[in-house]
Protein backbone atom coordinates (compact mmCIF):
# COMPACT_ATOMS: atom_id res chain seq x y z
CA ARG A 1 -6.33 -59.37 -63.70
CA GLN A 2 -4.16 -56.26 -63.96
CA GLN A 3 -7.24 -54.03 -63.41
CA THR A 4 -8.35 -56.12 -60.39
CA SER A 5 -4.86 -55.93 -58.89
CA GLN A 6 -4.81 -52.13 -59.27
CA GLN A 7 -8.24 -51.83 -57.61
CA ALA A 8 -7.05 -53.97 -54.68
CA LYS A 9 -3.95 -51.82 -54.23
CA HIS A 10 -6.10 -48.65 -54.33
CA THR A 11 -8.48 -50.07 -51.68
CA SER A 12 -5.54 -51.09 -49.47
CA HIS A 13 -4.01 -47.61 -49.82
CA LYS A 14 -7.30 -45.96 -48.79
CA HIS A 15 -7.57 -48.32 -45.80
CA ASN A 16 -4.02 -47.47 -44.70
CA ASN A 17 -4.77 -43.74 -45.03
CA ARG A 18 -7.85 -44.12 -42.82
CA LEU A 19 -5.84 -46.03 -40.21
CA SER A 20 -3.18 -43.28 -40.21
CA TYR A 21 -5.90 -40.62 -39.84
CA TYR A 22 -7.56 -42.43 -36.91
CA LYS A 23 -4.16 -42.99 -35.19
CA SER A 24 -3.18 -39.34 -35.57
CA THR A 25 -6.61 -38.22 -34.28
CA ILE A 26 -6.32 -40.48 -31.22
CA ASN A 27 -2.77 -39.29 -30.56
CA MET A 28 -3.89 -35.66 -30.76
CA ARG A 29 -6.78 -36.27 -28.33
CA VAL A 30 -4.48 -38.04 -25.87
CA ALA A 31 -1.95 -35.21 -26.16
CA PHE A 32 -4.62 -32.55 -25.49
CA SER A 33 -5.91 -34.57 -22.53
CA LEU A 34 -2.44 -34.71 -21.02
CA LEU A 35 -1.95 -31.00 -21.58
CA ALA A 36 -5.27 -30.23 -19.89
CA LEU A 37 -4.54 -32.46 -16.88
CA PRO A 38 -2.51 -29.88 -14.87
CA VAL A 39 -5.39 -27.41 -15.23
CA VAL A 40 -7.96 -29.93 -14.00
CA VAL A 41 -6.03 -30.87 -10.88
CA THR A 42 -5.36 -27.27 -9.77
CA CYS A 43 -6.83 -27.21 -6.27
CA PHE A 44 -6.73 -23.97 -4.30
CA ALA A 45 -9.47 -21.45 -4.90
CA PRO A 46 -12.88 -21.56 -6.60
CA VAL A 47 -11.44 -19.40 -9.40
CA HIS A 48 -7.91 -18.93 -10.73
CA LEU A 49 -7.07 -16.04 -13.04
CA ASN A 50 -4.51 -16.49 -15.79
CA LYS A 51 -3.49 -12.85 -16.20
CA HIS A 52 -1.61 -13.50 -19.41
CA MET A 53 -4.52 -15.17 -21.22
CA GLY A 54 -7.38 -13.48 -19.32
CA VAL A 55 -9.03 -16.86 -18.69
CA GLN A 56 -10.77 -17.91 -15.48
CA ILE A 57 -10.40 -21.58 -14.57
CA VAL A 58 -12.78 -23.26 -12.14
CA ALA A 59 -11.11 -25.46 -9.52
CA THR A 60 -12.01 -27.17 -6.25
CA THR A 61 -11.37 -25.61 -2.85
CA THR A 62 -9.00 -27.22 -0.36
CA THR A 63 -10.58 -28.42 2.89
CA GLN A 64 -7.39 -28.47 4.95
CA LEU A 65 -7.23 -25.83 7.67
CA TRP A 66 -4.38 -24.12 9.49
CA SER A 67 -4.48 -25.40 13.06
CA ALA A 68 -3.42 -22.19 14.79
CA LYS A 69 -2.87 -22.76 18.53
CA LYS A 70 -2.24 -19.52 20.34
CA THR A 71 0.74 -19.63 22.72
CA LEU A 72 -0.29 -18.62 26.26
CA LYS A 73 1.70 -17.61 29.29
CA PRO A 74 2.00 -20.22 32.12
CA ASP A 75 -0.23 -18.16 34.42
CA ASP A 76 -2.97 -18.16 31.81
CA SER A 77 -3.75 -21.88 32.24
CA ASP A 78 -7.28 -21.18 33.51
CA LYS A 79 -7.94 -18.94 30.52
CA LYS A 80 -6.65 -21.66 28.21
CA LYS A 81 -9.12 -24.20 29.65
CA GLU A 82 -11.93 -21.69 29.21
CA LYS A 83 -10.91 -20.99 25.60
CA ASP A 84 -10.64 -24.69 24.81
CA THR A 85 -14.31 -25.13 25.68
CA LYS A 86 -15.13 -22.36 23.21
CA SER A 87 -12.85 -23.46 20.39
CA ALA A 88 -15.61 -25.21 18.45
CA PRO A 89 -18.94 -23.38 19.01
CA GLU A 90 -22.06 -25.21 17.87
CA ASP A 91 -23.26 -22.24 15.84
CA ILE A 92 -22.61 -18.59 15.08
CA LYS A 93 -24.95 -17.46 17.88
CA SER A 94 -22.84 -19.10 20.59
CA ALA A 95 -19.70 -17.57 19.05
CA VAL A 96 -21.31 -14.13 19.32
CA GLU A 97 -22.20 -14.72 22.98
CA ASP A 98 -18.58 -15.73 23.70
CA ALA A 99 -17.26 -12.61 21.97
CA ALA A 100 -19.68 -10.41 23.93
CA LYS A 101 -18.44 -11.85 27.25
CA GLU A 102 -14.81 -11.23 26.29
CA SER A 103 -15.50 -7.65 25.21
CA THR A 104 -16.86 -6.65 28.63
CA THR A 105 -13.35 -6.73 30.08
CA ALA A 106 -11.56 -5.39 26.98
CA LEU A 107 -10.35 -1.82 26.73
CA ALA A 108 -12.12 0.60 24.43
CA ASN A 109 -8.97 0.95 22.34
CA ILE A 110 -6.86 -1.91 21.02
CA ASN A 111 -3.72 -2.55 23.10
CA LEU A 112 -1.05 -3.31 20.52
CA PRO A 113 1.93 -5.50 21.46
CA SER A 114 5.20 -3.65 22.05
CA SER A 115 6.90 -5.84 19.43
CA ILE A 116 5.10 -4.07 16.56
CA LEU A 117 7.60 -2.28 14.33
CA THR A 118 7.43 1.46 13.78
CA ASP A 119 9.72 1.05 10.78
CA PRO A 120 8.61 -1.80 8.44
CA THR A 121 11.99 -1.73 6.69
CA LEU A 122 13.40 -3.38 9.85
CA LEU A 123 11.28 -6.49 9.26
CA PRO A 124 13.23 -9.57 10.41
CA LYS A 125 13.93 -12.55 8.21
CA ILE A 126 11.24 -15.24 8.20
CA PRO A 127 12.14 -18.07 10.63
CA SER A 128 12.48 -21.48 9.00
CA ASN A 129 9.53 -22.75 11.08
CA ALA A 130 7.19 -19.87 10.22
CA LYS A 131 5.01 -18.66 7.35
CA ARG A 132 4.45 -14.96 6.65
CA LEU A 133 1.41 -13.18 5.23
CA PHE A 134 1.43 -9.65 3.85
CA LEU A 135 -2.10 -8.20 4.05
CA VAL A 136 -2.78 -5.47 1.49
CA ARG A 137 -6.00 -3.49 1.36
CA HIS A 138 -7.22 -2.11 -1.99
CA GLY A 139 -6.75 1.57 -2.85
CA GLU A 140 -9.24 4.44 -2.83
CA VAL A 141 -12.48 3.68 -4.70
CA ILE A 142 -15.16 5.55 -6.62
CA PRO A 143 -18.13 4.90 -4.30
CA PRO A 144 -21.76 4.46 -5.41
CA GLY A 145 -23.09 7.83 -6.52
CA GLY A 146 -19.57 9.25 -6.36
CA LYS A 147 -19.98 10.32 -2.72
CA HIS A 148 -17.68 9.02 0.01
CA GLY A 149 -19.26 8.02 3.30
CA VAL A 150 -21.74 5.46 1.96
CA PHE A 151 -21.57 1.72 2.53
CA TYR A 152 -20.69 -0.36 -0.51
CA GLY A 153 -19.56 -3.64 1.06
CA ALA A 154 -19.26 -6.41 -1.53
CA MET A 155 -20.43 -4.24 -4.45
CA ASP A 156 -17.90 -4.51 -7.29
CA ILE A 157 -16.97 -0.84 -7.57
CA PRO A 158 -13.83 0.50 -9.35
CA LEU A 159 -10.71 2.16 -8.01
CA SER A 160 -10.20 5.88 -8.45
CA PRO A 161 -7.07 7.10 -10.28
CA LEU A 162 -5.53 7.77 -6.86
CA GLY A 163 -6.54 4.27 -5.72
CA LYS A 164 -4.69 2.74 -8.66
CA ALA A 165 -1.58 4.78 -7.84
CA GLU A 166 -1.84 3.66 -4.19
CA ALA A 167 -2.07 0.01 -5.29
CA GLY A 168 1.04 0.43 -7.43
CA ALA A 169 2.95 1.97 -4.51
CA ALA A 170 2.08 -0.96 -2.24
CA ALA A 171 3.08 -3.48 -4.91
CA LYS A 172 6.39 -1.71 -5.50
CA PHE A 173 7.15 -1.78 -1.76
CA LEU A 174 6.63 -5.57 -1.71
CA GLN A 175 8.91 -6.25 -4.69
CA LYS A 176 11.88 -6.64 -2.32
CA TYR A 177 10.27 -9.83 -0.94
CA LYS A 178 10.10 -12.96 -3.11
CA LEU A 179 6.49 -14.06 -2.57
CA HIS A 180 5.43 -17.68 -2.72
CA GLN A 181 1.73 -17.06 -3.47
CA VAL A 182 -0.37 -14.00 -4.35
CA CYS A 183 -4.04 -14.29 -3.47
CA SER A 184 -6.90 -11.87 -4.15
CA SER A 185 -10.53 -11.19 -3.44
CA PRO A 186 -12.66 -11.71 -6.57
CA LEU A 187 -13.69 -8.02 -6.55
CA LYS A 188 -11.97 -5.94 -9.24
CA ARG A 189 -10.65 -3.27 -6.86
CA ALA A 190 -8.62 -5.97 -5.09
CA MET A 191 -7.68 -7.89 -8.24
CA TYR A 192 -6.13 -4.73 -9.70
CA GLY A 193 -3.82 -4.50 -6.69
CA ALA A 194 -2.96 -8.21 -6.81
CA ASN A 195 -2.08 -7.94 -10.49
CA GLU A 196 0.21 -5.00 -9.67
CA VAL A 197 1.93 -7.13 -7.02
CA MET A 198 2.49 -9.90 -9.56
CA LEU A 199 3.87 -7.53 -12.18
CA TYR A 200 6.45 -6.14 -9.75
CA GLN A 201 7.30 -9.68 -8.60
CA GLU A 202 8.00 -10.72 -12.18
CA LYS A 203 10.22 -7.69 -12.70
CA ALA A 204 12.26 -8.49 -9.58
CA PHE A 205 12.33 -12.29 -9.81
CA MET A 206 11.74 -13.03 -13.48
CA HIS A 207 13.78 -16.24 -13.54
CA GLU A 208 12.89 -17.42 -10.03
CA THR A 209 9.17 -16.76 -9.65
CA MET A 210 7.39 -20.12 -9.61
CA PHE A 211 3.75 -19.03 -9.72
CA LYS A 212 2.19 -17.89 -13.00
CA ARG A 213 -1.32 -17.15 -11.74
CA MET A 214 -2.71 -15.21 -8.85
CA LYS A 215 -5.09 -17.20 -6.66
CA VAL A 216 -8.62 -15.83 -6.33
CA ASP A 217 -10.61 -16.89 -3.25
CA HIS A 218 -14.18 -15.75 -2.59
CA GLY A 219 -13.48 -16.17 1.11
CA PHE A 220 -11.51 -12.90 0.92
CA SER A 221 -14.43 -10.89 -0.52
CA GLU A 222 -15.58 -7.83 1.43
CA LEU A 223 -18.37 -7.93 4.05
CA ASN A 224 -21.74 -8.10 2.29
CA ARG A 225 -23.81 -5.13 3.51
CA GLY A 226 -27.01 -6.31 1.81
CA THR A 227 -29.74 -3.65 1.75
CA TRP A 228 -27.44 -1.18 3.52
CA CYS A 229 -25.35 -0.74 0.38
CA GLY A 230 -25.59 2.81 -0.93
CA LYS A 231 -26.74 4.19 2.43
CA THR A 232 -24.88 6.41 4.89
CA LYS A 233 -24.45 5.76 8.60
CA ASP A 234 -26.99 8.50 9.35
CA GLN A 235 -29.55 6.86 7.07
CA ILE A 236 -29.11 3.53 8.82
CA GLY A 237 -29.12 5.03 12.30
CA ASP A 238 -26.63 5.05 15.16
CA GLU A 239 -28.60 2.51 17.21
CA LEU A 240 -28.70 -0.09 14.43
CA MET A 241 -25.04 0.49 13.61
CA ALA A 242 -24.01 0.07 17.25
CA LYS A 243 -25.96 -3.21 17.50
CA PHE A 244 -24.49 -4.48 14.24
CA ASN A 245 -20.93 -3.65 15.28
CA SER A 246 -21.50 -5.44 18.62
CA CYS A 247 -22.52 -8.55 16.62
CA ASP A 248 -26.26 -8.46 17.32
CA LEU A 249 -27.41 -10.91 14.64
CA SER A 250 -30.99 -9.63 14.77
CA VAL A 251 -30.03 -6.42 12.95
CA THR A 252 -28.09 -8.06 10.10
CA PRO A 253 -29.31 -6.31 6.91
CA ARG A 254 -31.41 -8.35 4.51
CA GLY A 255 -29.17 -10.08 1.98
CA GLY A 256 -26.08 -9.21 4.03
CA GLU A 257 -23.87 -10.96 6.56
CA SER A 258 -22.69 -10.39 10.14
CA TYR A 259 -19.15 -9.94 11.41
CA PRO A 260 -19.03 -13.48 12.93
CA VAL A 261 -19.98 -14.98 9.55
CA LEU A 262 -17.38 -12.81 7.83
CA CYS A 263 -14.63 -13.87 10.25
CA GLN A 264 -15.48 -17.53 9.84
CA ARG A 265 -15.09 -17.52 6.04
CA VAL A 266 -12.07 -15.20 6.04
CA LEU A 267 -10.10 -17.33 8.50
CA THR A 268 -11.00 -20.47 6.55
CA ALA A 269 -9.60 -18.86 3.39
CA ARG A 270 -6.51 -17.70 5.30
CA ASP A 271 -5.92 -21.26 6.55
CA ALA A 272 -6.15 -22.57 2.99
CA LEU A 273 -3.52 -20.09 1.83
CA LEU A 274 -1.20 -20.96 4.72
CA GLU A 275 -1.54 -24.65 3.82
CA ILE A 276 -0.04 -24.07 0.35
CA THR A 277 2.61 -21.59 1.56
CA ASP A 278 5.98 -23.20 2.28
CA ALA A 279 7.61 -22.77 5.68
CA GLY A 280 10.17 -19.97 5.58
CA ARG A 281 8.27 -18.23 2.75
CA ALA A 282 5.83 -15.31 2.50
CA SER A 283 2.54 -14.98 0.62
CA CYS A 284 0.34 -11.96 -0.01
CA ILE A 285 -3.41 -11.32 0.27
CA VAL A 286 -4.91 -8.32 -1.51
CA SER A 287 -8.40 -7.74 -0.15
CA HIS A 288 -10.51 -5.32 1.87
CA LEU A 289 -10.94 -3.42 5.13
CA GLN A 290 -13.10 -5.94 6.99
CA VAL A 291 -11.13 -8.93 5.68
CA THR A 292 -7.85 -7.44 6.91
CA ARG A 293 -9.49 -6.55 10.23
CA ALA A 294 -10.67 -10.15 10.68
CA ILE A 295 -7.16 -11.58 10.13
CA LEU A 296 -5.51 -8.99 12.40
CA ALA A 297 -8.15 -9.43 15.12
CA ASP A 298 -7.44 -13.17 15.21
CA ALA A 299 -3.70 -12.52 15.47
CA LEU A 300 -4.12 -9.90 18.22
CA ASP A 301 -6.82 -11.79 20.20
CA VAL A 302 -9.25 -8.91 19.64
CA PRO A 303 -12.88 -10.03 20.10
CA THR A 304 -15.16 -9.81 17.08
CA THR A 305 -17.25 -7.19 18.90
CA GLN A 306 -14.26 -4.82 18.67
CA LEU A 307 -13.38 -5.50 15.05
CA THR A 308 -14.20 -1.95 13.97
CA ASP A 309 -11.61 -0.52 16.39
CA ILE A 310 -8.82 -1.77 14.11
CA GLU A 311 -7.74 0.91 11.64
CA VAL A 312 -6.64 -0.18 8.15
CA GLY A 313 -5.86 2.53 5.58
CA THR A 314 -6.44 2.25 1.85
CA ALA A 315 -3.63 0.37 0.05
CA SER A 316 -1.90 -0.15 3.40
CA ILE A 317 0.21 -3.20 4.23
CA SER A 318 0.12 -5.32 7.39
CA CYS A 319 2.42 -8.24 8.19
CA VAL A 320 1.79 -11.36 10.30
CA ASP A 321 3.99 -14.42 10.96
CA TYR A 322 2.52 -17.85 11.80
CA ASP A 323 4.63 -20.36 13.74
CA VAL A 324 4.27 -23.78 12.13
CA ASP A 325 4.95 -25.68 15.38
CA THR A 326 3.00 -23.70 18.00
CA GLY A 327 0.49 -21.76 15.91
CA GLU A 328 1.65 -18.53 17.56
CA GLN A 329 0.85 -15.43 15.50
CA THR A 330 3.18 -12.42 15.48
CA VAL A 331 2.02 -9.09 14.08
CA HIS A 332 5.07 -7.17 12.84
CA TYR A 333 3.29 -4.05 11.62
CA MET A 334 -0.20 -2.81 10.72
CA SER A 335 -1.67 -0.40 8.17
CA PHE A 336 1.69 0.80 6.81
CA LYS A 337 1.48 3.02 3.71
CA PRO A 338 4.64 3.68 1.67
CA GLU A 339 5.32 7.41 1.47
CA VAL A 340 5.53 8.22 -2.23
CA GLY A 341 4.03 11.71 -2.30
CA LEU A 342 0.44 10.74 -3.14
CA ALA A 343 -2.56 12.79 -2.03
CA ALA A 344 -4.54 11.67 1.03
CA ALA A 345 -7.21 9.14 0.08
CA GLN A 346 -10.87 9.63 0.94
CA ASP A 347 -12.13 6.63 2.86
CA GLY A 348 -15.56 7.73 4.06
CA GLY A 349 -14.55 7.37 7.69
CA ASN A 350 -14.04 3.61 7.15
CA TYR A 351 -17.80 3.23 6.70
CA VAL A 352 -17.25 0.42 4.20
């Protein structure tokens, strides 16, 4: 009897140990699930970069868009009716035709509004009913073959040592502004600059900065030049280049994209960033020449056929406010480069 009683106690003890093991295992799985939940529900860009851990996390893209309604003068009522009929073109081709009609009456050079600041340090405070975007282009690059003047488009090429210094100078200039969001193109030349912006933000607002990751949105990637990558303007030919710049879709390089397609995806990505930026706050986009041109062209009412008339220097900063109530866009300054004694960057005549 004593032996049977001891065996029963041993069996009961083993059973209790197994129950404790199963309970602890279940509790651990539940705990890990709860910890993982905030990562799963992150919902801005296709990819988020955790710069501290070096981990990319896949997330869904928001479908909400910024409903920007340009404010028009009272005597422009006829123009407003005409624009309303064009606000939702059936396809890219009709959008190109609209842009071509507008460009026939436009001046060869961009007429900038008189409100644009010559001194960016005089930037006014953000109104409580507005959202601000700082647009930063990446620094000087090492082009394919090491020769400036060739198209590289969406190729993932690195920054030069000067380009990295330029990116740092732009980031340091922005450290005086507490940014709500920092968003980047997925290309490494832009991500370097965005990471510099975040580092300076953490130095300035260590205890107040709410974001811990930069947002990465493929909508801010550079114009894809397709089979034109690695070629010069002379190799492509002046006639083809002129047709491409005037949005003739028939000359779009194989594997590449046109300016209307670029503008469509860039403005969609911009709208998504504005949706998650609080009113009265500023966010930053670190991207590329054509991306910055697309955002500025929309703010300045410049037709897509004149996109290449907008000059944007390497590692330069542009600033645009968006009125939450009216959708009015105000460009405060364009292509500003902080003067820190760096050498002049080579940009290949903006052939990128």
